[in-house]
Protein backbone atom coordinates (compact mmCIF):
# COMPACT_ATOMS: atom_id res chain seq x y z
CA MET A 1 0.00 0.00 0.00
CA GLY A 2 1.39 3.39 -0.97
CA VAL A 3 1.95 6.18 1.48
CA LYS A 4 -0.85 8.35 0.06
CA VAL A 5 -3.31 5.47 0.42
CA GLU A 6 -2.12 5.04 4.01
CA ILE A 7 -2.62 8.75 4.67
CA ASP A 8 -6.17 8.55 3.25
CA ARG A 9 -6.93 5.56 5.47
CA HIS A 10 -6.88 7.65 8.66
CA ASP A 11 -9.67 9.92 9.95
CA TRP A 12 -7.49 12.99 10.60
CA GLY A 13 -10.53 15.06 11.56
CA SER A 14 -11.12 12.90 14.63
CA LEU A 15 -7.49 12.46 15.71
CA ARG A 16 -6.28 15.14 18.15
CA SER A 17 -3.03 17.01 17.66
CA LEU A 18 -0.85 18.32 20.49
CA THR A 19 -2.96 21.50 20.59
CA GLY A 20 -6.17 19.50 20.96
CA GLN A 21 -7.31 20.42 17.47
CA ASP A 22 -8.06 17.99 14.66
CA SER A 23 -5.07 16.68 12.70
CA LEU A 24 -5.95 17.98 9.25
CA ILE A 25 -2.78 20.12 9.31
CA LEU A 26 -0.79 16.94 9.95
CA ARG A 27 -2.50 15.22 7.01
CA ALA A 28 -1.59 18.16 4.77
CA ALA A 29 2.02 18.10 6.00
CA LEU A 30 2.32 14.37 5.27
CA LEU A 31 0.96 14.92 1.75
CA ASP A 32 3.36 17.84 1.30
CA LEU A 33 6.23 15.54 2.27
CA CYS A 34 5.10 13.05 -0.38
CA GLU A 35 5.08 15.78 -3.01
CA SER A 36 8.28 17.57 -1.96
CA VAL A 37 10.53 18.57 -4.83
CA SER A 38 13.23 20.42 -2.89
CA ASP A 39 15.14 20.18 0.36
CA GLY A 40 13.29 23.27 1.56
CA ASP A 41 9.92 21.61 0.90
CA VAL A 42 11.05 18.56 2.87
CA ASP A 43 12.31 20.65 5.79
CA LEU A 44 9.05 22.58 6.00
CA ALA A 45 6.88 19.45 5.81
CA VAL A 46 8.99 17.60 8.38
CA GLN A 47 8.87 20.55 10.79
CA ARG A 48 5.08 20.73 10.48
CA ILE A 49 4.79 16.97 11.08
CA GLU A 50 6.97 17.16 14.18
CA ASP A 51 5.07 20.20 15.49
CA GLU A 52 1.83 18.23 15.28
CA THR A 53 3.05 14.89 16.62
CA VAL A 54 5.76 15.31 19.26
CA THR A 55 6.99 18.14 21.46
CA GLN A 56 9.35 17.74 24.40
CA GLY A 57 8.72 14.01 24.49
CA LEU A 58 4.93 14.36 24.48
CA LEU A 59 2.99 12.54 21.78
CA SER A 60 -0.37 13.44 20.32
CA GLU A 61 -3.28 11.15 19.58
CA SER A 62 -2.32 11.45 15.90
CA SER A 63 1.35 10.46 16.43
CA ALA A 64 0.80 6.74 15.81
CA ALA A 65 -1.06 7.38 12.55
CA ALA A 66 1.69 9.74 11.42
CA ALA A 67 4.37 7.18 12.32
CA ARG A 68 2.57 4.52 10.30
CA CYS A 69 2.37 6.84 7.29
CA LEU A 70 6.06 7.73 7.58
CA VAL A 71 7.02 4.04 7.77
CA HIS A 72 5.01 3.45 4.59
CA GLY A 73 6.98 6.23 2.92
CA ILE A 74 10.41 4.75 3.63
CA TYR A 75 10.55 2.91 0.32
CA SER A 76 9.14 5.70 -1.84
CA PHE A 77 10.64 8.95 -0.54
CA SER A 78 13.61 10.61 -2.23
CA ASP A 79 16.97 10.55 -0.46
CA TYR A 80 16.58 13.87 1.35
CA ALA A 81 12.94 13.15 2.24
CA LEU A 82 14.02 9.74 3.52
CA ALA A 83 16.60 11.33 5.84
CA GLY A 84 13.94 13.71 7.22
CA THR A 85 11.43 10.89 7.55
CA LEU A 86 13.83 8.66 9.47
CA ASP A 87 14.83 11.53 11.75
CA THR A 88 11.15 12.30 12.47
CA LEU A 89 10.44 8.62 13.14
CA ALA A 90 13.39 8.56 15.57
CA ILE A 91 12.01 11.64 17.37
CA ILE A 92 8.53 10.08 17.63
CA ALA A 93 10.09 6.79 18.79
CA SER A 94 12.13 8.61 21.44
CA GLY A 95 8.96 10.25 22.73
CA GLY A 96 7.24 6.87 22.80
CA ASN A 97 10.19 5.28 24.55
CA ALA A 98 10.24 8.01 27.23
CA MET A 99 6.50 7.78 27.78
CA VAL A 100 6.54 3.97 28.01
CA GLN A 101 9.34 4.17 30.58
CA ALA A 102 7.25 6.68 32.56
CA GLN A 103 4.28 4.28 32.33
CA ALA A 104 2.45 6.91 30.26
CA GLY A 105 0.11 4.83 28.32
CA GLU A 106 -1.47 3.62 25.20
CA ILE A 107 -0.51 6.40 22.79
CA ALA A 108 3.17 5.68 23.36
CA LYS A 109 2.68 1.92 22.97
CA GLU A 110 0.71 2.44 19.76
CA CYS A 111 3.44 4.71 18.37
CA LEU A 112 6.12 2.13 19.12
CA LYS A 113 4.00 -0.61 17.53
CA GLU A 114 3.84 1.45 14.33
CA ILE A 115 7.60 2.18 14.51
CA TYR A 116 8.28 -1.59 14.71
CA LEU A 117 6.65 -2.03 11.28
CA GLY A 118 9.73 -0.41 9.73
CA PHE A 119 12.21 -2.69 11.49
CA PRO A 120 13.34 -4.65 8.40
CA ALA A 121 13.81 -1.40 6.49
CA TYR A 122 15.92 0.09 9.31
CA CYS A 123 18.23 -2.93 9.19
CA GLU A 124 18.54 -2.68 5.41
CA ILE A 125 19.17 1.07 5.44
CA LEU A 126 21.94 0.65 7.99
CA GLU A 127 23.57 -1.95 5.78
CA VAL A 128 23.25 -0.32 2.35
CA SER A 129 22.82 3.43 2.75
CA ASN A 130 25.74 5.77 2.23
CA ASP A 131 23.93 8.65 3.95
CA VAL A 132 25.31 9.22 7.45
CA ASP A 133 22.12 11.01 8.57
CA CYS A 134 19.95 8.06 7.49
CA ARG A 135 22.29 5.62 9.20
CA SER A 136 22.36 7.68 12.39
CA SER A 137 18.56 7.84 12.54
CA VAL A 138 18.16 4.10 11.94
CA ILE A 139 20.67 3.36 14.70
CA ASP A 140 18.41 5.36 17.04
CA LEU A 141 15.34 3.55 15.72
CA LEU A 142 16.99 0.14 16.10
CA LEU A 143 18.02 0.99 19.66
CA ILE A 144 14.48 1.98 20.60
CA CYS A 145 13.11 -1.17 18.96
CA GLY A 146 15.59 -3.27 20.95
CA LEU A 147 14.91 -1.47 24.23
CA ASN A 148 11.16 -1.93 24.00
CA ASN A 149 10.63 -5.17 22.11
CA PRO A 150 12.39 -8.24 23.53
CA ASP A 151 11.57 -10.21 20.37
CA LEU A 152 13.56 -7.75 18.25
CA ARG A 153 16.44 -7.30 20.72
CA PRO A 154 18.67 -10.18 19.49
CA THR A 155 18.37 -9.01 15.88
CA VAL A 156 19.08 -5.42 16.88
CA LYS A 157 22.22 -6.46 18.74
CA PHE A 158 23.40 -8.62 15.85
CA THR A 159 22.70 -5.86 13.31
CA LEU A 160 24.54 -3.21 15.33
CA GLN A 161 27.48 -5.52 16.04
CA SER A 162 27.72 -6.38 12.34
CA ALA A 163 27.69 -2.69 11.46
CA MET A 164 30.40 -2.01 14.02
CA ASN A 165 32.55 -4.81 12.63
CA SER A 166 32.03 -3.84 8.99
CA GLY A 167 34.66 -1.12 9.13
CA ASP A 168 32.75 1.30 6.90
CA MET A 169 30.95 3.09 9.72
CA VAL A 170 33.85 4.71 11.50
CA GLU A 171 31.98 8.02 11.83
CA LEU A 172 29.13 6.22 13.66
CA GLY A 173 31.28 3.92 15.79
CA ASP A 174 30.67 5.83 19.02
CA LEU A 175 26.90 5.91 18.47
CA ILE A 176 26.81 2.18 17.72
CA ALA A 177 28.99 1.37 20.76
CA ALA A 178 26.77 3.49 23.03
CA SER A 179 23.65 1.82 21.63
CA LEU A 180 25.09 -1.66 22.22
CA ALA A 181 26.10 -0.68 25.76
CA GLU A 182 22.57 0.56 26.47
CA LEU A 183 21.09 -2.68 25.15
CA ASP A 184 23.52 -4.72 27.29
CA GLN A 185 22.56 -2.69 30.32
CA VAL A 186 18.88 -3.36 29.68
CA CYS A 187 19.52 -7.07 29.17
CA GLY A 188 21.43 -7.14 32.45
CA LYS A 189 18.49 -5.60 34.28
CA GLY A 190 16.04 -8.04 32.73
CA ARG A 191 13.93 -5.19 31.37
CA LEU A 192 11.14 -6.21 29.03
């Protein structure tokens, strides 16, 4: 299913944004991202999406729907739009991770569930992308998947260790090492 079909699937008029309004602005921003023809268009659309979905770790009712749409766009967005999409997904995932750790409910769990749908793509992007921003964002996404989903944790650790050992990610070595250390710490504590 294409990203525009996924966007149309949601009832944006009934989903609440961070301001308590409907999420029609978010729908428009997602469509603008799909139709972006310049880096400036992408930056503007991404900023509008983030403004409507996550602020200071707080997620809106529409955040999970937006995350699902962004995951659907991973395979169709241009390079620069992909980097912005992955960064936005990492920001939403970080908000979900923080809220889950604070026992803050269903919206966060739903967002993480939607983020997990992109897991195979994150692994592939880490392996084949030459874009350091894309790779950095997927490392963050993989870490959050591993921290919150015990079923994904072994694959996350293997993927990050493989990336570390590949030798072509020197610029991301510290981020990968820190992510692996955080996963080891969680495994040691028996966190689910």
